[in-house]
Protein backbone atom coordinates (compact mmCIF):
# COMPACT_ATOMS: atom_id res chain seq x y z
CA UNK A 1 32.65 -12.36 19.42
CA UNK A 2 33.46 -16.04 19.90
CA UNK A 3 36.91 -17.67 19.97
CA UNK A 4 35.62 -20.97 18.57
CA UNK A 5 33.42 -21.49 15.52
CA UNK A 6 31.33 -18.36 15.04
CA UNK A 7 27.74 -18.44 16.18
CA UNK A 8 24.98 -18.31 13.67
CA UNK A 9 24.05 -14.96 12.27
CA UNK A 10 20.83 -13.94 10.60
CA UNK A 11 21.05 -13.72 6.81
CA UNK A 12 21.04 -10.43 5.04
CA UNK A 13 17.47 -10.35 3.83
CA UNK A 14 15.97 -11.24 1.40
CA UNK A 15 17.85 -14.47 2.14
CA UNK A 16 21.17 -16.10 1.33
CA UNK A 17 22.25 -18.03 -1.71
CA UNK A 18 25.02 -20.15 -0.29
CA UNK A 19 28.03 -21.36 -2.18
CA UNK A 20 30.63 -22.40 0.37
CA UNK A 21 31.25 -23.50 3.95
CA UNK A 22 33.69 -22.63 6.71
CA UNK A 23 35.56 -25.12 8.87
CA UNK A 24 36.88 -24.84 12.41
CA UNK A 25 39.81 -22.74 11.26
CA UNK A 26 37.33 -20.16 9.93
CA UNK A 27 38.44 -20.67 6.31
CA UNK A 28 35.65 -21.16 3.80
CA UNK A 29 35.74 -24.51 2.02
CA UNK A 30 34.08 -23.06 -1.06
CA UNK A 31 33.57 -25.25 -4.07
CA UNK A 32 34.76 -22.38 -6.25
CA UNK A 33 38.53 -22.12 -5.97
CA UNK A 34 40.08 -18.68 -6.50
CA UNK A 35 42.65 -19.01 -9.23
CA UNK A 36 45.35 -16.43 -9.87
CA UNK A 37 43.92 -13.36 -11.46
CA UNK A 38 40.44 -13.69 -9.86
CA UNK A 39 41.18 -11.17 -7.14
CA UNK A 40 38.59 -8.38 -7.57
CA UNK A 41 41.17 -5.61 -7.65
CA UNK A 42 43.02 -7.13 -10.59
CA UNK A 43 39.95 -6.97 -12.79
CA UNK A 44 38.81 -3.57 -11.51
CA UNK A 45 35.75 -5.19 -9.92
CA UNK A 46 34.21 -2.52 -7.73
CA UNK A 47 33.46 -3.97 -4.29
CA UNK A 48 31.95 -2.25 -1.25
CA UNK A 49 30.87 -3.47 2.18
CA UNK A 50 27.86 -2.66 4.35
CA UNK A 51 27.94 -3.20 8.12
CA UNK A 52 24.65 -2.91 10.01
CA UNK A 53 25.61 -1.63 13.47
CA UNK A 54 22.33 -0.39 14.88
CA UNK A 55 21.92 -3.02 17.61
CA UNK A 56 21.19 -1.84 21.14
CA UNK A 57 22.72 -4.70 23.14
CA UNK A 58 19.46 -6.25 24.36
CA UNK A 59 20.59 -9.86 23.89
CA UNK A 60 23.76 -9.26 25.91
CA UNK A 61 21.82 -7.49 28.63
CA UNK A 62 24.30 -4.62 28.79
CA UNK A 63 23.69 -0.86 28.48
CA UNK A 64 26.43 -0.51 25.85
CA UNK A 65 25.62 -1.93 22.39
CA UNK A 66 27.78 -4.96 21.64
CA UNK A 67 29.55 -3.30 18.72
CA UNK A 68 30.87 -0.59 21.06
CA UNK A 69 31.93 -2.88 23.90
CA UNK A 70 35.66 -2.46 24.62
CA UNK A 71 38.13 -5.24 23.87
CA UNK A 72 41.48 -4.29 25.34
CA UNK A 73 40.02 -0.80 25.72
CA UNK A 74 39.19 -0.58 22.01
CA UNK A 75 35.62 -0.86 20.66
CA UNK A 76 34.81 -4.18 19.01
CA UNK A 77 33.58 -2.54 15.81
CA UNK A 78 37.01 -0.97 15.30
CA UNK A 79 38.53 -4.43 14.95
CA UNK A 80 35.92 -5.35 12.33
CA UNK A 81 36.62 -2.18 10.37
CA UNK A 82 40.33 -2.92 10.51
CA UNK A 83 39.76 -6.41 9.12
CA UNK A 84 37.90 -4.97 6.13
CA UNK A 85 40.32 -2.09 5.62
CA UNK A 86 43.16 -4.55 5.25
CA UNK A 87 41.46 -5.82 2.09
CA UNK A 88 42.67 -3.25 -0.41
CA UNK A 89 40.14 -4.16 -3.09
CA UNK A 90 37.17 -3.18 -0.88
CA UNK A 91 36.69 0.40 -2.02
CA UNK A 92 34.03 1.68 0.40
CA UNK A 93 32.80 0.55 3.80
CA UNK A 94 29.37 1.83 4.84
CA UNK A 95 28.40 1.54 8.50
CA UNK A 96 24.77 1.97 9.60
CA UNK A 97 24.48 3.28 13.17
CA UNK A 98 21.64 4.81 15.12
CA UNK A 99 21.38 8.58 15.33
CA UNK A 100 22.21 8.55 19.04
CA UNK A 101 25.45 6.67 18.37
CA UNK A 102 26.50 8.64 15.30
CA UNK A 103 28.92 10.90 17.22
CA UNK A 104 30.38 7.91 19.07
CA UNK A 105 31.05 6.21 15.74
CA UNK A 106 32.64 9.34 14.30
CA UNK A 107 34.98 9.57 17.28
CA UNK A 108 35.99 5.92 16.85
CA UNK A 109 36.82 6.51 13.18
CA UNK A 110 38.88 9.55 14.06
CA UNK A 111 40.66 8.05 17.05
CA UNK A 112 41.70 4.83 15.31
CA UNK A 113 42.28 6.51 11.94
CA UNK A 114 39.93 4.33 9.95
CA UNK A 115 39.78 5.02 6.23
CA UNK A 116 37.19 4.52 3.48
CA UNK A 117 34.37 4.63 6.05
CA UNK A 118 31.00 6.28 5.40
CA UNK A 119 28.21 6.52 7.98
CA UNK A 120 24.46 6.28 7.45
CA UNK A 121 21.65 6.27 9.96
CA UNK A 122 20.41 2.80 10.85
CA UNK A 123 16.78 1.77 10.54
CA UNK A 124 14.60 0.34 13.28
CA UNK A 125 15.45 -3.19 12.13
CA UNK A 126 18.56 -4.90 10.82
CA UNK A 127 16.82 -5.25 7.47
CA UNK A 128 16.27 -1.51 7.18
CA UNK A 129 19.78 -0.73 8.38
CA UNK A 130 21.23 -2.79 5.53
CA UNK A 131 18.90 -1.06 3.11
CA UNK A 132 20.13 2.34 4.37
CA UNK A 133 23.67 1.25 3.53
CA UNK A 134 22.65 0.04 0.09
CA UNK A 135 20.87 3.29 -0.69
CA UNK A 136 24.02 5.23 0.20
CA UNK A 137 25.90 3.23 -2.44
CA UNK A 138 23.29 3.62 -5.15
CA UNK A 139 24.06 6.07 -7.94
CA UNK A 140 20.65 7.73 -7.69
CA UNK A 141 21.47 9.33 -4.34
CA UNK A 142 21.98 13.09 -4.60
CA UNK A 143 25.27 14.58 -3.36
CA UNK A 144 26.66 11.13 -2.63
CA UNK A 145 30.46 10.82 -2.59
CA UNK A 146 30.19 7.07 -3.04
CA UNK A 147 29.99 5.21 -6.32
CA UNK A 148 27.83 2.19 -6.99
CA UNK A 149 29.80 -1.08 -6.65
CA UNK A 150 29.36 -4.15 -8.77
CA UNK A 151 29.42 -6.43 -5.74
CA UNK A 152 28.51 -5.58 -2.16
CA UNK A 153 29.53 -7.51 0.96
CA UNK A 154 27.17 -7.65 3.93
CA UNK A 155 28.97 -8.37 7.18
CA UNK A 156 28.30 -8.17 10.91
CA UNK A 157 29.86 -5.25 12.74
CA UNK A 158 30.59 -7.52 15.71
CA UNK A 159 32.51 -10.23 13.81
CA UNK A 160 36.10 -9.05 13.40
CA UNK A 161 37.63 -12.45 12.63
CA UNK A 162 36.96 -12.49 8.92
CA UNK A 163 39.78 -13.48 6.58
CA UNK A 164 40.47 -12.01 3.16
CA UNK A 165 40.26 -15.40 1.46
CA UNK A 166 36.71 -15.86 2.79
CA UNK A 167 35.74 -12.44 1.49
CA UNK A 168 37.38 -13.21 -1.85
CA UNK A 169 35.51 -16.48 -2.24
CA UNK A 170 32.06 -15.07 -1.48
CA UNK A 171 32.70 -12.09 -3.79
CA UNK A 172 33.93 -14.38 -6.58
CA UNK A 173 30.90 -16.65 -6.17
CA UNK A 174 28.53 -13.68 -6.03
CA UNK A 175 30.04 -12.34 -9.24
CA UNK A 176 29.25 -15.65 -10.96
CA UNK A 177 25.97 -16.62 -9.31
CA UNK A 178 24.49 -13.28 -8.18
CA UNK A 179 24.62 -14.08 -4.46
CA UNK A 180 26.79 -16.11 -2.11
CA UNK A 181 27.55 -16.54 1.56
CA UNK A 182 29.65 -18.42 4.04
CA UNK A 183 28.24 -21.55 5.62
CA UNK A 184 29.58 -24.00 8.15
CA UNK A 185 28.68 -27.51 9.36
CA UNK A 186 26.10 -27.72 12.12
CA UNK A 187 27.55 -28.20 15.59
CA UNK A 188 24.39 -28.24 17.70
CA UNK A 189 21.56 -30.72 17.33
CA UNK A 190 18.60 -29.18 15.51
CA UNK A 191 15.18 -30.52 16.41
CA UNK A 192 11.77 -30.22 14.78
CA UNK A 193 9.04 -29.83 17.42
CA UNK A 194 5.54 -31.24 17.14
CA UNK A 195 2.38 -29.15 17.48
CA UNK A 196 2.27 -29.74 21.26
CA UNK A 197 5.86 -28.57 21.72
CA UNK A 198 7.40 -32.01 22.16
CA UNK A 199 10.31 -33.41 20.15
CA UNK A 200 9.10 -34.70 16.82
CA UNK A 201 12.44 -35.56 15.24
CA UNK A 202 15.97 -34.22 14.95
CA UNK A 203 17.54 -33.17 11.68
CA UNK A 204 20.45 -35.07 10.24
CA UNK A 205 23.29 -32.61 10.78
CA UNK A 206 25.42 -33.92 7.94
CA UNK A 207 22.76 -32.86 5.44
CA UNK A 208 22.41 -29.27 6.69
CA UNK A 209 24.57 -26.17 7.09
CA UNK A 210 24.40 -23.02 9.17
CA UNK A 211 24.35 -19.71 7.31
CA UNK A 212 26.60 -16.94 8.56
CA UNK A 213 28.40 -13.81 7.50
CA UNK A 214 29.93 -12.57 5.30
CA UNK A 215 27.51 -12.63 2.39
CA UNK A 216 28.02 -11.01 -1.00
CA UNK A 217 25.65 -9.97 -3.77
CA UNK A 218 25.69 -8.37 -7.15
CA UNK A 219 24.68 -4.87 -6.13
CA UNK A 220 21.89 -4.48 -8.67
CA UNK A 221 20.39 -7.79 -7.59
CA UNK A 222 20.20 -7.08 -3.88
CA UNK A 223 19.32 -3.40 -4.26
CA UNK A 224 16.37 -4.22 -6.50
CA UNK A 225 15.28 -6.97 -4.10
CA UNK A 226 15.42 -4.60 -1.13
CA UNK A 227 13.52 -1.93 -3.03
CA UNK A 228 10.72 -4.36 -3.84
CA UNK A 229 10.59 -6.04 -0.44
CA UNK A 230 11.05 -2.92 1.64
CA UNK A 231 9.36 -0.26 -0.45
CA UNK A 232 6.29 -2.27 -1.33
CA UNK A 233 5.86 -3.68 2.15
CA UNK A 234 6.38 -0.33 3.84
CA UNK A 235 4.23 1.54 1.36
CA UNK A 236 1.38 -0.92 1.74
CA UNK A 237 1.68 -0.71 5.52
CA UNK A 238 1.76 3.10 5.44
CA UNK A 239 -1.23 3.21 3.09
CA UNK A 240 -3.17 0.87 5.36
CA UNK A 241 -2.43 3.01 8.42
CA UNK A 242 -3.44 6.24 6.65
CA UNK A 243 -6.67 4.66 5.37
CA UNK A 244 -7.46 3.51 8.90
CA UNK A 245 -6.88 7.00 10.30
CA UNK A 246 -9.03 8.86 7.76
CA UNK A 247 -11.84 6.29 7.87
CA UNK A 248 -12.81 6.91 11.49
CA UNK A 249 -15.68 9.34 10.77
CA UNK A 250 -18.58 9.37 8.30
CA UNK A 251 -20.93 12.30 7.84
CA UNK A 252 -24.38 11.50 6.46
CA UNK A 253 -25.62 14.51 4.48
CA UNK A 254 -29.32 14.75 3.61
CA UNK A 255 -31.81 17.29 2.33
CA UNK A 256 -33.84 17.33 5.55
CA UNK A 257 -32.51 17.09 9.09
CA UNK A 258 -35.62 17.62 11.19
CA UNK A 259 -37.74 14.70 9.95
CA UNK A 260 -36.79 11.69 12.10
CA UNK A 261 -38.58 9.37 9.69
CA UNK A 262 -36.33 10.57 6.89
CA UNK A 263 -34.76 7.52 5.26
CA UNK A 264 -31.38 9.21 5.67
CA UNK A 265 -31.76 8.96 9.45
CA UNK A 266 -32.65 5.29 9.14
CA UNK A 267 -29.45 4.76 7.15
CA UNK A 268 -27.52 6.73 9.76
CA UNK A 269 -28.80 4.48 12.54
CA UNK A 270 -27.89 1.33 10.61
CA UNK A 271 -24.41 2.72 9.92
CA UNK A 272 -23.95 3.39 13.65
CA UNK A 273 -25.09 -0.13 14.42
CA UNK A 274 -22.93 -1.84 11.78
CA UNK A 275 -19.84 0.36 12.20
CA UNK A 276 -19.56 0.67 15.97
CA UNK A 277 -15.87 1.64 15.69
CA UNK A 278 -16.62 4.59 13.37
CA UNK A 279 -18.06 7.95 14.38
CA UNK A 280 -21.23 8.57 12.34
CA UNK A 281 -22.76 12.06 12.27
CA UNK A 282 -25.47 13.69 10.16
CA UNK A 283 -25.90 17.13 8.64
CA UNK A 284 -28.30 18.98 6.36
CA UNK A 285 -27.28 20.88 3.27
CA UNK A 286 -29.72 23.68 4.00
CA UNK A 287 -28.63 27.16 5.12
CA UNK A 288 -25.66 27.12 2.76
CA UNK A 289 -24.07 24.22 4.63
CA UNK A 290 -22.91 26.27 7.62
CA UNK A 291 -22.76 23.26 9.96
CA UNK A 292 -21.22 21.19 7.20
CA UNK A 293 -18.39 23.70 6.94
CA UNK A 294 -17.53 23.02 10.57
CA UNK A 295 -17.49 19.27 9.95
CA UNK A 296 -15.12 19.88 7.05
CA UNK A 297 -12.93 22.05 9.27
CA UNK A 298 -12.83 19.15 11.75
CA UNK A 299 -11.36 17.10 8.89
CA UNK A 300 -13.97 14.49 8.12
CA UNK A 301 -12.97 12.76 4.87
CA UNK A 302 -16.03 10.57 4.26
CA UNK A 303 -19.50 11.71 3.22
CA UNK A 304 -22.70 9.82 2.45
CA UNK A 305 -25.06 12.08 0.52
CA UNK A 306 -28.68 10.90 0.66
CA UNK A 307 -30.80 11.93 -2.34
CA UNK A 308 -34.50 11.40 -1.60
CA UNK A 309 -36.48 14.53 -2.35
CA UNK A 310 -34.94 14.76 -5.82
CA UNK A 311 -34.49 12.04 -8.39
CA UNK A 312 -31.10 13.16 -9.60
CA UNK A 313 -27.79 14.38 -8.19
CA UNK A 314 -28.86 17.83 -6.98
CA UNK A 315 -27.93 17.22 -3.35
CA UNK A 316 -24.72 15.42 -4.32
CA UNK A 317 -23.74 18.28 -6.61
CA UNK A 318 -24.28 20.79 -3.78
CA UNK A 319 -22.04 18.72 -1.51
CA UNK A 320 -19.34 18.36 -4.16
CA UNK A 321 -19.32 22.13 -4.67
CA UNK A 322 -18.85 22.71 -0.94
CA UNK A 323 -16.04 20.17 -0.80
CA UNK A 324 -14.26 21.60 -3.84
CA UNK A 325 -14.37 25.11 -2.35
CA UNK A 326 -13.02 23.86 0.98
CA UNK A 327 -9.80 22.34 -0.45
CA UNK A 328 -10.24 19.50 2.07
CA UNK A 329 -9.00 16.97 -0.49
CA UNK A 330 -5.55 18.52 -0.81
CA UNK A 331 -4.16 16.31 1.97
CA UNK A 332 -6.19 13.10 1.64
CA UNK A 333 -8.67 11.65 -0.87
CA UNK A 334 -12.25 12.43 0.15
CA UNK A 335 -14.90 9.74 -0.31
CA UNK A 336 -18.42 10.77 -1.35
CA UNK A 337 -21.08 8.07 -1.66
CA UNK A 338 -24.16 9.36 -3.49
CA UNK A 339 -27.06 7.26 -2.14
CA UNK A 340 -30.35 6.92 -4.03
CA UNK A 341 -33.47 5.00 -2.97
CA UNK A 342 -35.78 3.12 -5.27
CA UNK A 343 -38.87 0.97 -4.82
CA UNK A 344 -38.38 -1.62 -7.54
CA UNK A 345 -42.08 -2.52 -7.39
CA UNK A 346 -43.08 0.96 -8.54
CA UNK A 347 -40.22 1.95 -10.81
CA UNK A 348 -38.25 -0.17 -13.25
CA UNK A 349 -34.52 -0.23 -12.36
CA UNK A 350 -33.64 0.76 -15.92
CA UNK A 351 -35.67 3.99 -15.63
CA UNK A 352 -33.80 5.03 -12.49
CA UNK A 353 -30.35 3.79 -13.38
CA UNK A 354 -30.39 5.54 -16.76
CA UNK A 355 -30.76 8.84 -14.89
CA UNK A 356 -28.01 7.94 -12.48
CA UNK A 357 -25.40 6.93 -15.04
CA UNK A 358 -24.34 10.55 -15.23
CA UNK A 359 -22.37 9.79 -12.08
CA UNK A 360 -19.52 8.70 -14.34
CA UNK A 361 -19.10 12.20 -15.71
CA UNK A 362 -19.31 13.75 -12.24
CA UNK A 363 -16.72 11.32 -10.91
CA UNK A 364 -14.20 12.12 -13.65
CA UNK A 365 -14.45 15.82 -12.92
CA UNK A 366 -14.07 15.63 -9.14
CA UNK A 367 -11.37 12.95 -9.31
CA UNK A 368 -9.06 15.70 -10.52
CA UNK A 369 -9.65 17.35 -7.13
CA UNK A 370 -8.88 14.11 -5.25
CA UNK A 371 -12.55 13.43 -4.51
CA UNK A 372 -13.67 9.83 -5.00
CA UNK A 373 -17.32 9.69 -6.01
CA UNK A 374 -19.30 6.44 -5.86
CA UNK A 375 -23.01 5.74 -6.49
CA UNK A 376 -25.20 3.49 -4.34
CA UNK A 377 -28.75 2.44 -5.20
CA UNK A 378 -30.68 1.00 -2.24
CA UNK A 379 -33.89 -0.97 -2.63
CA UNK A 380 -36.67 0.85 -0.73
CA UNK A 381 -39.46 -1.69 -0.18
CA UNK A 382 -42.50 -0.93 1.98
CA UNK A 383 -41.84 -4.00 4.12
CA UNK A 384 -39.90 -2.79 7.16
CA UNK A 385 -37.88 -5.99 7.56
CA UNK A 386 -36.80 -5.92 3.91
CA UNK A 387 -35.96 -2.22 4.21
CA UNK A 388 -33.71 -2.90 7.20
CA UNK A 389 -31.94 -5.63 5.24
CA UNK A 390 -31.42 -3.29 2.28
CA UNK A 391 -30.06 -0.59 4.59
CA UNK A 392 -27.74 -3.09 6.24
CA UNK A 393 -26.39 -4.19 2.84
CA UNK A 394 -25.97 -0.53 1.90
CA UNK A 395 -24.07 0.14 5.14
CA UNK A 396 -21.69 -2.73 4.39
CA UNK A 397 -20.99 -1.35 0.91
CA UNK A 398 -20.43 2.16 2.30
CA UNK A 399 -18.05 0.82 4.94
CA UNK A 400 -16.03 -0.99 2.27
CA UNK A 401 -15.87 2.08 0.00
CA UNK A 402 -14.71 4.26 2.89
CA UNK A 403 -12.10 1.81 4.11
CA UNK A 404 -10.63 0.69 0.78
CA UNK A 405 -10.96 3.90 -1.28
CA UNK A 406 -10.92 1.69 -4.37
CA UNK A 407 -10.12 3.77 -7.44
CA UNK A 408 -11.50 1.01 -9.70
CA UNK A 409 -15.03 1.61 -8.41
CA UNK A 410 -15.04 5.37 -8.88
CA UNK A 411 -18.09 6.44 -10.92
CA UNK A 412 -19.76 3.03 -10.54
CA UNK A 413 -23.39 2.63 -9.45
CA UNK A 414 -23.54 -0.14 -6.87
CA UNK A 415 -26.81 -1.78 -5.86
CA UNK A 416 -27.73 -2.93 -2.34
């Protein structure tokens, strides 16, 4: 809280659309003047406010979060709530606080008799705290006592000196333009540094403004923006983390385990060499897959099935049957790469690939069980150097299939 011109405050993501400015007396010099009859309440314009109050006081260096610091023995946030409550046309005020401070906030509301206040749990960032408040106001929330507003105000919980005319102007501008916020002339000199950290040039202050609270948005506009920015970003991040976790082990399954010259063992060694951050094991499908069952129980979600002794998918089909019976794929998608070797000097690719195209039908069937089946054809030349290169290319393809779990490549026959 500052007695002079308010300090800058981060915009309510995804970014402000500014329509006015505030002078030293804290009144917004908005270009849009509020004529009689534009007050939201007079046109039944539903307005709500969201206050992110999940800060932990790190910048102030105090154990008590800034919003709960006492001013004349009364928490700062109580003054901010009072300022908003005085505005009769703000129907609901949603405050986002951390779980550990929820009871403190409830006691403040009770002690100082605040009205129209709803509490939601804050997120780990300011951005997510605002989104929590927006979700509470959305109509699609079950058992919610709040109704969706037409315009929502985003304001700082620690800025109690906000006047009704400022709120009115940003709401009016948001109603017309979709989004609006208070701005003020720059007071400090703003510099642009060079690559080496030295002063490059300073900005001309008269041409720039500082963004600050309050900001207002058409609710549908900001809620949709937050859903896209937050949901997509978080979902992609979560998907990436899950893929990373379940891609840490690959089991190479082959029809013979004892023969060290088996091409499956050569592929296993190359996989270990190329994927040094991934655990690579091998197992035989003989003896009804008893050892394989243990690997499945240990929750390995990636299998490379080497078909050498047979020219079709017999070994792969055995593995798929074991996996389907295990129900391993209930939790996560299981990757199976059916590997086939071919000496192109002895057999025409068309003769082999025609046989292998049945992988498409297999893949459709097992996809229903959340098993992702891919085919890989590896050139098997007699020249040892060329064989190593083919195996290395095959290992790279396998690593990509395991990591990405690309649904678009399911049932495809890839060639190394």
